[in-house]
Amino acid sequence: MAAEVSGGRGARLHAAVFGWLSRPLASFHLVLCLCGLLTLLGAVMVLSASSASAYDPHAGGSVYGTFYRHLASIAAGLVALWAGLRLPLPAIRRASPTAMIGALVLLVLVITPLGTLAEGARRWFSFGPLSVQPVEIAKVALILWGAHILVTKARLLRYWRHLLVPVVPAALLMFALVMAQPNFSGTITLGIVLMALLWFAGAPKRLFAALLLGAGVGVVVLAVAAQYRLARVLSFVSDGTDASGSGYQALQAEYALADGGLLGVGLGQGASKWKYLPDVQNDFIFALVGEELGFVGCVVVLALFGALAVVGFRIATRNRDPWNRMVAATITVLLVTQAAINIGYVVDVLPVTGVTLPLVSYGGTSLVVTMFLFGLLAHCARHEPQAVADLTHLGPGRLGRLLRLPAPGVSTRPSVPRDSPRTERRRHGRTDRRPVVPIGERGGGGPPR
């Protein structure tokens, strides 16, 4: 009898969950919910980490200074999130070439004396207490512009020249400028964006084999060219034997995860943040999550990013506009892969690369840009056909009115170049100028069906 009651409750819960997920705006609400949960978790963990690492009885500064700066980044990120939700997607697409040019200009300027020199690298522009990292802006520009080019040339992508040019040369130029800073982690994230764009554009698998081979050779060359990168790779290969050198952070991260156990030592009680794990609020924040919240906390983080992967691809598959689809899918791949790389080197299955954990690590430009990407993903969710119908007939709802979100466009016709059929004929020697007559207006003895 108890089993039947339990089974009945389980069936009702299952029906309730799947009933909610079938709602037109479920994807939209899920993206915002995941963004909020990850941002809240990040704020709590940054507070826990930075209040200890910033403590200096002789400095006289506030132990909450880092946390206050993180809150300021969250406030700017909320504005960026709203902008991603508010700006019309067609307008964003039209502005993508300008954004790409602007990103390239910033990448050039940052490696000049205009950029801030810190620890032998020029990666930021500093404006008093504020700093801007151009590579984060470049990621967004490459996503939007790359998707625009590949969708515009959709009918010609079976030809390698159109598939590769100009997206790949522009991306390689970005790689070169970012490595000139130098910024290896930024190059990795740009590489993820390029691979995702080409994959969702339908590039042949042999192209990815060539790109992966070239990327492998590039990584080896870059690792040998810089002593600190070579030391990281050798430390990873040597399985932590360099405990006092380049392998120190990775080893301390393992200790922190081991100390956490199942439920953790308690929020705020972790020992690793007391200088044992330097800059724990940045690249190794996941180690502090494991130490203070335990295995359960780590599983929650993994579940949140797993849910982001599911929801992001659901949004991409449900959108009819090809640019929306490609942008949503590429954003999802970028955010989830960044999280996988960060968690991978914290648990010592990947060499340390410096890729941050999205929304959880201490943030500046990275946090603001990531929240803008979440806003774009949520905006794409509002362009699912069922969501468009619901918003058109029932209005924007409470959240939409609160955020002053406009109704999404009802046009779902795929974006294709207007002259692509004629252009394709000319490229292959066919010069006939017969007009392309729309279906329904061609002769046939009767009215169009």
Protein backbone atom coordinates (compact mmCIF):
# COMPACT_ATOMS: atom_id res chain seq x y z
CA MET A 1 0.00 0.00 0.00
CA ALA A 2 2.84 2.37 0.91
CA ALA A 3 4.55 1.53 -2.37
CA GLU A 4 1.42 2.43 -4.29
CA VAL A 5 1.12 5.78 -2.47
CA SER A 6 4.81 6.51 -3.11
CA GLY A 7 4.41 5.54 -6.75
CA GLY A 8 1.37 7.80 -7.09
CA ARG A 9 3.26 10.76 -5.63
CA GLY A 10 6.18 10.08 -7.92
CA ALA A 11 3.90 9.99 -10.95
CA ARG A 12 2.26 13.27 -9.93
CA LEU A 13 5.64 14.92 -9.39
CA HIS A 14 6.85 13.61 -12.75
CA ALA A 15 3.73 14.95 -14.46
CA ALA A 16 4.05 18.32 -12.72
CA VAL A 17 7.72 18.74 -13.70
CA PHE A 18 7.20 17.79 -17.33
CA GLY A 19 4.02 19.85 -17.46
CA TRP A 20 5.98 22.92 -16.35
CA LEU A 21 8.79 22.19 -18.81
CA SER A 22 6.27 22.06 -21.65
CA ARG A 23 5.20 25.66 -21.02
CA PRO A 24 6.11 28.10 -23.82
CA LEU A 25 8.42 30.24 -21.64
CA ALA A 26 10.00 27.44 -19.61
CA SER A 27 13.37 27.80 -21.37
CA PHE A 28 13.39 31.55 -20.76
CA HIS A 29 12.70 31.16 -17.05
CA LEU A 30 15.21 28.32 -16.71
CA VAL A 31 18.05 30.37 -18.22
CA LEU A 32 17.36 33.27 -15.86
CA CYS A 33 17.05 30.90 -12.91
CA LEU A 34 20.38 29.19 -13.71
CA CYS A 35 22.05 32.56 -14.15
CA GLY A 36 20.72 33.73 -10.79
CA LEU A 37 21.73 30.56 -8.93
CA LEU A 38 25.27 30.54 -10.35
CA THR A 39 25.68 34.27 -9.65
CA LEU A 40 24.43 33.85 -6.07
CA LEU A 41 26.72 30.86 -5.49
CA GLY A 42 29.64 32.81 -6.92
CA ALA A 43 28.95 35.81 -4.68
CA VAL A 44 28.82 33.63 -1.57
CA MET A 45 32.03 31.78 -2.43
CA VAL A 46 33.90 34.96 -3.40
CA LEU A 47 32.89 36.48 -0.07
CA SER A 48 34.16 33.42 1.76
CA ALA A 49 37.42 33.32 -0.19
CA SER A 50 38.30 37.00 -0.41
CA SER A 51 37.55 37.96 3.19
CA ALA A 52 40.37 35.67 4.27
CA SER A 53 42.84 36.30 1.46
CA ALA A 54 42.40 40.08 1.79
CA TYR A 55 42.95 40.05 5.55
CA ASP A 56 46.10 41.96 6.44
CA PRO A 57 46.30 43.39 9.97
CA HIS A 58 49.05 45.81 8.88
CA ALA A 59 47.38 47.14 5.70
CA GLY A 60 44.36 48.70 7.34
CA GLY A 61 42.09 48.08 4.34
CA SER A 62 38.68 46.42 4.37
CA VAL A 63 38.62 42.63 4.24
CA TYR A 64 35.50 42.99 2.07
CA GLY A 65 37.14 45.13 -0.61
CA THR A 66 37.35 42.28 -3.14
CA PHE A 67 33.76 41.27 -2.40
CA TYR A 68 32.50 44.83 -2.89
CA ARG A 69 34.24 44.97 -6.28
CA HIS A 70 32.62 41.64 -7.16
CA LEU A 71 29.21 43.09 -6.23
CA ALA A 72 29.92 46.08 -8.47
CA SER A 73 30.68 43.66 -11.32
CA ILE A 74 27.40 41.85 -10.64
CA ALA A 75 25.53 45.17 -10.79
CA ALA A 76 27.16 45.97 -14.16
CA GLY A 77 26.43 42.41 -15.25
CA LEU A 78 22.74 42.83 -14.47
CA VAL A 79 22.67 45.84 -16.79
CA ALA A 80 24.43 43.75 -19.46
CA LEU A 81 21.93 40.91 -18.89
CA TRP A 82 19.04 43.33 -19.36
CA ALA A 83 20.67 44.72 -22.51
CA GLY A 84 20.98 41.20 -23.93
CA LEU A 85 17.27 40.69 -23.22
CA ARG A 86 16.15 44.10 -24.42
CA LEU A 87 18.09 44.78 -27.63
CA PRO A 88 16.34 43.36 -30.73
CA LEU A 89 18.18 40.34 -32.08
CA PRO A 90 18.09 41.63 -35.70
CA ALA A 91 19.72 44.87 -34.53
CA ILE A 92 22.40 42.90 -32.68
CA ARG A 93 23.05 40.90 -35.82
CA ARG A 94 23.33 44.04 -37.97
CA ALA A 95 25.80 45.52 -35.49
CA SER A 96 27.98 42.39 -35.40
CA PRO A 97 30.43 43.52 -38.15
CA THR A 98 31.01 46.78 -36.30
CA ALA A 99 31.49 44.85 -33.06
CA MET A 100 34.04 42.60 -34.73
CA ILE A 101 36.04 45.56 -36.06
CA GLY A 102 35.88 47.23 -32.65
CA ALA A 103 37.10 44.07 -30.92
CA LEU A 104 40.07 43.77 -33.27
CA VAL A 105 40.96 47.43 -32.68
CA LEU A 106 40.85 46.90 -28.91
CA LEU A 107 43.05 43.80 -29.18
CA VAL A 108 45.60 45.83 -31.12
CA LEU A 109 45.54 48.76 -28.70
CA VAL A 110 45.86 46.65 -25.57
CA ILE A 111 49.30 45.35 -26.59
CA THR A 112 50.55 48.91 -27.05
CA PRO A 113 51.60 51.17 -24.15
CA LEU A 114 47.91 52.07 -23.79
CA GLY A 115 47.38 48.65 -22.20
CA THR A 116 48.20 48.05 -18.54
CA LEU A 117 51.40 46.07 -17.97
CA ALA A 118 51.01 43.57 -15.14
CA GLU A 119 53.28 40.57 -14.49
CA GLY A 120 54.82 40.86 -17.93
CA ALA A 121 51.50 40.85 -19.81
CA ARG A 122 49.25 43.51 -21.34
CA ARG A 123 45.68 42.20 -21.08
CA TRP A 124 43.68 45.08 -19.64
CA PHE A 125 42.80 48.71 -20.07
CA SER A 126 42.75 50.42 -16.69
CA PHE A 127 40.52 53.42 -15.95
CA GLY A 128 41.20 54.22 -12.32
CA PRO A 129 39.63 51.41 -10.26
CA LEU A 130 37.98 49.94 -13.37
CA SER A 131 39.59 47.59 -15.86
CA VAL A 132 38.42 46.13 -19.16
CA GLN A 133 39.73 42.94 -20.74
CA PRO A 134 39.29 43.13 -24.55
CA VAL A 135 39.48 39.36 -25.10
CA GLU A 136 36.13 38.96 -23.33
CA ILE A 137 34.55 41.43 -25.75
CA ALA A 138 36.26 39.62 -28.64
CA LYS A 139 34.53 36.35 -27.70
CA VAL A 140 31.10 37.94 -28.03
CA ALA A 141 32.02 39.70 -31.27
CA LEU A 142 33.30 36.47 -32.83
CA ILE A 143 30.12 34.61 -31.85
CA LEU A 144 27.77 37.22 -33.30
CA TRP A 145 29.77 38.07 -36.42
CA GLY A 146 30.82 34.49 -37.17
CA ALA A 147 27.22 33.30 -36.98
CA HIS A 148 26.13 36.20 -39.20
CA ILE A 149 28.68 35.36 -41.90
CA LEU A 150 28.06 31.61 -41.85
CA VAL A 151 24.27 32.02 -41.98
CA THR A 152 24.49 34.59 -44.78
CA LYS A 153 26.64 32.20 -46.82
CA ALA A 154 24.59 29.14 -45.87
CA ARG A 155 23.96 28.04 -49.49
CA LEU A 156 27.65 28.27 -50.35
CA LEU A 157 29.20 26.48 -47.38
CA ARG A 158 29.73 23.28 -49.35
CA TYR A 159 32.60 25.12 -51.00
CA TRP A 160 35.63 25.28 -48.75
CA ARG A 161 36.52 28.82 -49.78
CA HIS A 162 33.20 30.15 -48.53
CA LEU A 163 33.25 27.96 -45.42
CA LEU A 164 36.65 29.17 -44.26
CA VAL A 165 36.82 32.76 -45.52
CA PRO A 166 36.55 35.21 -43.83
CA VAL A 167 35.66 33.59 -40.49
CA VAL A 168 38.79 31.47 -40.02
CA PRO A 169 41.32 34.18 -41.06
CA ALA A 170 39.64 36.71 -38.75
CA ALA A 171 39.65 34.22 -35.88
CA LEU A 172 43.34 33.42 -36.48
CA LEU A 173 44.11 37.14 -36.39
CA MET A 174 42.36 37.31 -33.04
CA PHE A 175 44.37 34.33 -31.79
CA ALA A 176 47.62 36.03 -32.77
CA LEU A 177 46.69 39.31 -31.09
CA VAL A 178 45.61 37.57 -27.88
CA MET A 179 48.78 35.48 -27.74
CA ALA A 180 50.79 38.66 -28.21
CA GLN A 181 49.50 39.87 -24.82
CA PRO A 182 50.18 36.91 -23.91
CA ASN A 183 46.89 35.27 -22.85
CA PHE A 184 46.74 31.52 -23.36
CA SER A 185 43.38 31.01 -21.64
CA GLY A 186 41.81 33.70 -23.84
CA THR A 187 43.12 31.94 -26.94
CA ILE A 188 41.55 28.68 -25.75
CA THR A 189 38.12 30.25 -25.33
CA LEU A 190 38.32 31.90 -28.76
CA GLY A 191 39.26 28.51 -30.20
CA ILE A 192 36.17 26.98 -28.58
CA VAL A 193 34.00 29.64 -30.23
CA LEU A 194 35.54 29.01 -33.67
CA MET A 195 35.13 25.24 -33.44
CA ALA A 196 31.52 25.57 -32.28
CA LEU A 197 30.63 27.96 -35.11
CA LEU A 198 32.09 25.67 -37.75
CA TRP A 199 30.44 22.60 -36.20
CA PHE A 200 26.97 24.13 -36.17
CA ALA A 201 27.52 25.47 -39.69
CA GLY A 202 27.90 21.85 -40.82
CA ALA A 203 31.62 21.84 -41.63
CA PRO A 204 32.99 18.42 -42.70
CA LYS A 205 34.66 16.32 -40.02
CA ARG A 206 37.98 16.25 -41.87
CA LEU A 207 38.21 20.00 -41.33
CA PHE A 208 37.98 19.48 -37.58
CA ALA A 209 40.70 16.84 -37.77
CA ALA A 210 42.96 19.37 -39.48
CA LEU A 211 42.05 22.11 -37.00
CA LEU A 212 42.64 19.86 -34.00
CA LEU A 213 45.98 18.79 -35.40
CA GLY A 214 46.96 22.42 -35.94
CA ALA A 215 45.74 23.32 -32.45
CA GLY A 216 47.82 20.50 -30.95
CA VAL A 217 50.95 21.69 -32.74
CA GLY A 218 50.20 25.26 -31.66
CA VAL A 219 49.80 24.25 -28.01
CA VAL A 220 53.13 22.41 -28.07
CA VAL A 221 54.89 25.38 -29.64
CA LEU A 222 53.35 27.84 -27.20
CA ALA A 223 54.15 25.60 -24.23
CA VAL A 224 57.80 25.38 -25.23
CA ALA A 225 58.01 29.10 -26.04
CA ALA A 226 57.07 30.26 -22.51
CA GLN A 227 58.85 28.87 -19.47
CA TYR A 228 55.89 29.16 -17.09
CA ARG A 229 53.56 27.32 -19.49
CA LEU A 230 56.13 24.58 -20.02
CA ALA A 231 56.50 24.25 -16.24
CA ARG A 232 52.73 23.79 -15.87
CA VAL A 233 52.62 21.07 -18.50
CA LEU A 234 55.63 19.24 -17.04
CA SER A 235 54.11 19.46 -13.58
CA PHE A 236 50.87 17.94 -14.86
CA VAL A 237 52.72 15.14 -16.66
CA SER A 238 54.87 14.43 -13.60
CA ASP A 239 51.72 13.82 -11.53
CA GLY A 240 52.29 16.46 -8.87
CA THR A 241 55.88 15.66 -7.98
CA ASP A 242 56.73 19.37 -8.30
CA ALA A 243 54.81 20.17 -5.12
CA SER A 244 56.69 23.37 -4.31
CA GLY A 245 56.88 24.84 -7.83
CA SER A 246 54.41 24.96 -10.71
CA GLY A 247 52.41 22.07 -9.26
CA TYR A 248 51.76 23.84 -5.95
CA GLN A 249 48.30 25.21 -6.79
CA ALA A 250 47.06 21.96 -8.33
CA LEU A 251 48.25 19.97 -5.31
CA GLN A 252 46.68 22.38 -2.81
CA ALA A 253 43.42 22.18 -4.77
CA GLU A 254 43.45 18.39 -4.38
CA TYR A 255 44.04 18.76 -0.63
CA ALA A 256 41.12 21.18 -0.39
CA LEU A 257 38.78 18.80 -2.23
CA ALA A 258 39.94 15.89 -0.04
CA ASP A 259 39.35 17.87 3.17
CA GLY A 260 35.79 18.64 2.13
CA GLY A 261 34.58 15.06 2.08
CA LEU A 262 30.88 14.51 1.53
CA LEU A 263 29.33 17.58 3.18
CA GLY A 264 32.32 19.92 3.52
CA VAL A 265 33.91 21.60 6.52
CA GLY A 266 31.28 24.34 6.53
CA LEU A 267 30.76 27.60 4.70
CA GLY A 268 33.51 30.03 5.64
CA GLN A 269 35.55 27.38 7.45
CA GLY A 270 37.89 26.34 4.64
CA ALA A 271 41.61 26.51 5.37
CA SER A 272 42.83 26.71 1.77
CA LYS A 273 41.83 30.35 1.39
CA TRP A 274 44.30 31.38 4.11
CA LYS A 275 47.12 31.74 1.57
CA TYR A 276 47.47 27.98 1.08
CA LEU A 277 45.78 28.26 -2.30
CA PRO A 278 46.76 31.63 -3.83
CA ASP A 279 44.00 33.66 -5.54
CA VAL A 280 41.48 30.96 -4.73
CA GLN A 281 38.60 33.30 -5.67
CA ASN A 282 39.76 33.29 -9.30
CA ASP A 283 40.79 30.11 -11.12
CA PHE A 284 40.44 27.66 -8.20
CA ILE A 285 37.08 28.69 -6.73
CA PHE A 286 35.74 25.17 -7.41
CA ALA A 287 38.33 23.79 -4.95
CA LEU A 288 36.91 26.02 -2.22
CA VAL A 289 33.38 24.88 -3.13
CA GLY A 290 34.54 21.29 -2.62
CA GLU A 291 36.27 22.09 0.66
CA GLU A 292 33.48 24.09 2.29
CA LEU A 293 30.39 22.52 0.71
CA GLY A 294 31.82 19.08 0.04
CA PHE A 295 31.00 16.58 -2.65
CA VAL A 296 27.36 17.66 -2.48
CA GLY A 297 28.32 21.25 -3.35
CA CYS A 298 30.43 20.07 -6.28
CA VAL A 299 27.54 17.97 -7.58
CA VAL A 300 25.24 21.01 -7.38
CA VAL A 301 27.68 23.05 -9.49
CA LEU A 302 27.98 20.23 -12.04
CA ALA A 303 24.18 19.87 -12.12
CA LEU A 304 23.71 23.59 -12.78
CA PHE A 305 26.09 23.56 -15.74
CA GLY A 306 24.59 20.28 -16.97
CA ALA A 307 21.15 21.90 -16.87
CA LEU A 308 22.56 24.88 -18.77
CA ALA A 309 23.77 22.51 -21.51
CA VAL A 310 20.35 20.87 -21.80
CA VAL A 311 18.40 24.13 -21.79
CA GLY A 312 20.80 25.88 -24.18
CA PHE A 313 20.58 23.15 -26.80
CA ARG A 314 16.83 22.96 -26.32
CA ILE A 315 16.63 26.68 -27.15
CA ALA A 316 18.88 26.21 -30.19
CA THR A 317 16.86 23.31 -31.61
CA ARG A 318 13.53 25.05 -31.09
CA ASN A 319 14.45 28.33 -32.79
CA ARG A 320 13.60 28.58 -36.48
CA ASP A 321 15.86 31.48 -37.35
CA PRO A 322 19.29 30.02 -38.23
CA TRP A 323 21.24 32.92 -36.70
CA ASN A 324 19.38 32.52 -33.40
CA ARG A 325 20.08 28.79 -33.48
CA MET A 326 23.79 29.18 -34.11
CA VAL A 327 24.24 31.93 -31.52
CA ALA A 328 22.34 30.00 -28.83
CA ALA A 329 24.24 26.78 -29.49
CA THR A 330 27.64 28.49 -29.59
CA ILE A 331 26.99 30.39 -26.35
CA THR A 332 26.00 27.13 -24.68
CA VAL A 333 29.12 25.33 -25.87
CA LEU A 334 31.36 28.20 -24.76
CA LEU A 335 29.96 28.47 -21.23
CA VAL A 336 29.75 24.74 -20.56
CA THR A 337 33.18 24.01 -22.04
CA GLN A 338 34.75 26.80 -19.98
CA ALA A 339 33.25 25.23 -16.86
CA ALA A 340 34.47 21.77 -17.89
CA ILE A 341 38.04 23.02 -18.45
CA ASN A 342 38.12 24.88 -15.13
CA ILE A 343 36.75 21.94 -13.15
CA GLY A 344 39.02 19.60 -15.10
CA TYR A 345 42.25 21.27 -14.02
CA VAL A 346 41.03 21.76 -10.44
CA VAL A 347 40.48 17.99 -10.11
CA ASP A 348 43.81 17.39 -11.91
CA VAL A 349 42.59 15.75 -15.11
CA LEU A 350 43.78 18.71 -17.24
CA PRO A 351 46.83 20.99 -17.01
CA VAL A 352 46.23 24.41 -15.45
CA THR A 353 45.19 26.91 -18.13
CA GLY A 354 43.67 29.84 -16.22
CA VAL A 355 40.15 29.52 -17.66
CA THR A 356 37.69 30.79 -15.04
CA LEU A 357 34.47 29.16 -13.84
CA PRO A 358 31.63 31.22 -15.43
CA LEU A 359 29.70 33.37 -12.93
CA VAL A 360 31.29 31.60 -9.95
CA SER A 361 34.87 32.88 -10.14
CA TYR A 362 35.65 36.43 -9.05
CA GLY A 363 34.75 38.59 -11.99
CA GLY A 364 35.28 41.84 -13.74
CA THR A 365 34.87 42.00 -17.51
CA SER A 366 34.45 38.21 -17.62
CA LEU A 367 31.46 38.29 -15.27
CA VAL A 368 29.78 41.18 -17.10
CA VAL A 369 30.25 39.55 -20.53
CA THR A 370 29.03 36.17 -19.24
CA MET A 371 25.84 37.73 -17.92
CA PHE A 372 25.34 39.45 -21.29
CA LEU A 373 25.65 36.01 -22.95
CA PHE A 374 23.02 34.64 -20.56
CA GLY A 375 20.80 37.55 -21.56
CA LEU A 376 21.25 36.72 -25.25
CA LEU A 377 20.48 33.05 -24.57
CA ALA A 378 17.31 33.99 -22.68
CA HIS A 379 16.36 36.36 -25.51
CA CYS A 380 16.71 33.50 -28.00
CA ALA A 381 14.42 31.46 -25.71
CA ARG A 382 11.73 34.12 -26.15
CA HIS A 383 11.96 33.55 -29.92
CA GLU A 384 10.94 29.89 -29.77
CA PRO A 385 7.74 29.58 -31.87
CA GLN A 386 5.55 28.61 -28.91
CA ALA A 387 7.00 31.47 -26.85
CA VAL A 388 6.36 33.94 -29.67
CA ALA A 389 2.74 32.80 -29.94
CA ASP A 390 2.25 32.99 -26.19
CA LEU A 391 3.81 36.45 -25.86
CA THR A 392 1.86 37.74 -28.87
CA HIS A 393 -1.54 36.61 -27.65
CA LEU A 394 -1.20 36.78 -23.86
CA GLY A 395 1.24 39.65 -23.43
CA PRO A 396 4.70 39.81 -21.85
CA GLY A 397 3.67 38.56 -18.42
CA ARG A 398 4.79 39.91 -15.05
CA LEU A 399 8.50 39.40 -15.59
CA GLY A 400 8.38 40.82 -19.09
CA ARG A 401 6.53 43.92 -17.89
CA LEU A 402 8.93 44.32 -14.97
CA LEU A 403 11.96 44.18 -17.30
CA ARG A 404 10.13 46.19 -20.01
CA LEU A 405 10.87 43.51 -22.59
CA PRO A 406 9.39 44.05 -26.07
CA ALA A 407 7.43 41.33 -27.79
CA PRO A 408 9.68 39.18 -30.00
CA GLY A 409 9.33 39.45 -33.77
CA VAL A 410 6.84 37.04 -35.25
CA SER A 411 8.85 36.50 -38.41
CA THR A 412 10.56 33.10 -38.35
CA ARG A 413 11.63 32.97 -42.01
CA PRO A 414 15.26 31.82 -42.28
CA SER A 415 17.75 34.53 -43.16
CA VAL A 416 19.37 33.88 -46.56
CA PRO A 417 21.23 36.18 -48.92
CA ARG A 418 18.85 37.79 -51.39
CA ASP A 419 21.05 37.27 -54.42
CA SER A 420 22.60 33.94 -53.47
CA PRO A 421 20.92 31.83 -56.25
CA ARG A 422 21.98 34.26 -58.99
CA THR A 423 25.43 34.77 -57.45
CA GLU A 424 25.96 31.02 -57.27
CA ARG A 425 25.02 30.60 -60.95
CA ARG A 426 27.47 33.33 -61.99
CA ARG A 427 30.30 31.77 -60.02
CA HIS A 428 29.84 28.54 -61.94
CA GLY A 429 29.63 30.01 -65.41
CA ARG A 430 25.85 30.12 -65.80
CA THR A 431 24.90 33.61 -66.86
CA ASP A 432 21.20 33.15 -67.48
CA ARG A 433 19.28 36.07 -66.02
CA ARG A 434 15.93 34.42 -65.62
CA PRO A 435 14.19 35.89 -62.59
CA VAL A 436 13.58 33.68 -59.60
CA VAL A 437 9.78 33.45 -59.42
CA PRO A 438 8.41 32.79 -55.93
CA ILE A 439 6.52 29.53 -55.41
CA GLY A 440 2.83 30.23 -55.80
CA GLU A 441 3.28 32.74 -58.64
CA ARG A 442 4.52 30.29 -61.24
CA GLY A 443 2.23 29.32 -64.07
CA GLY A 444 0.26 26.11 -63.73
CA GLY A 445 -3.26 26.78 -64.92
CA GLY A 446 -4.75 27.56 -61.57
CA PRO A 447 -4.42 29.56 -58.42
CA PRO A 448 -1.47 28.87 -56.14
CA ARG A 449 -2.11 26.30 -53.45
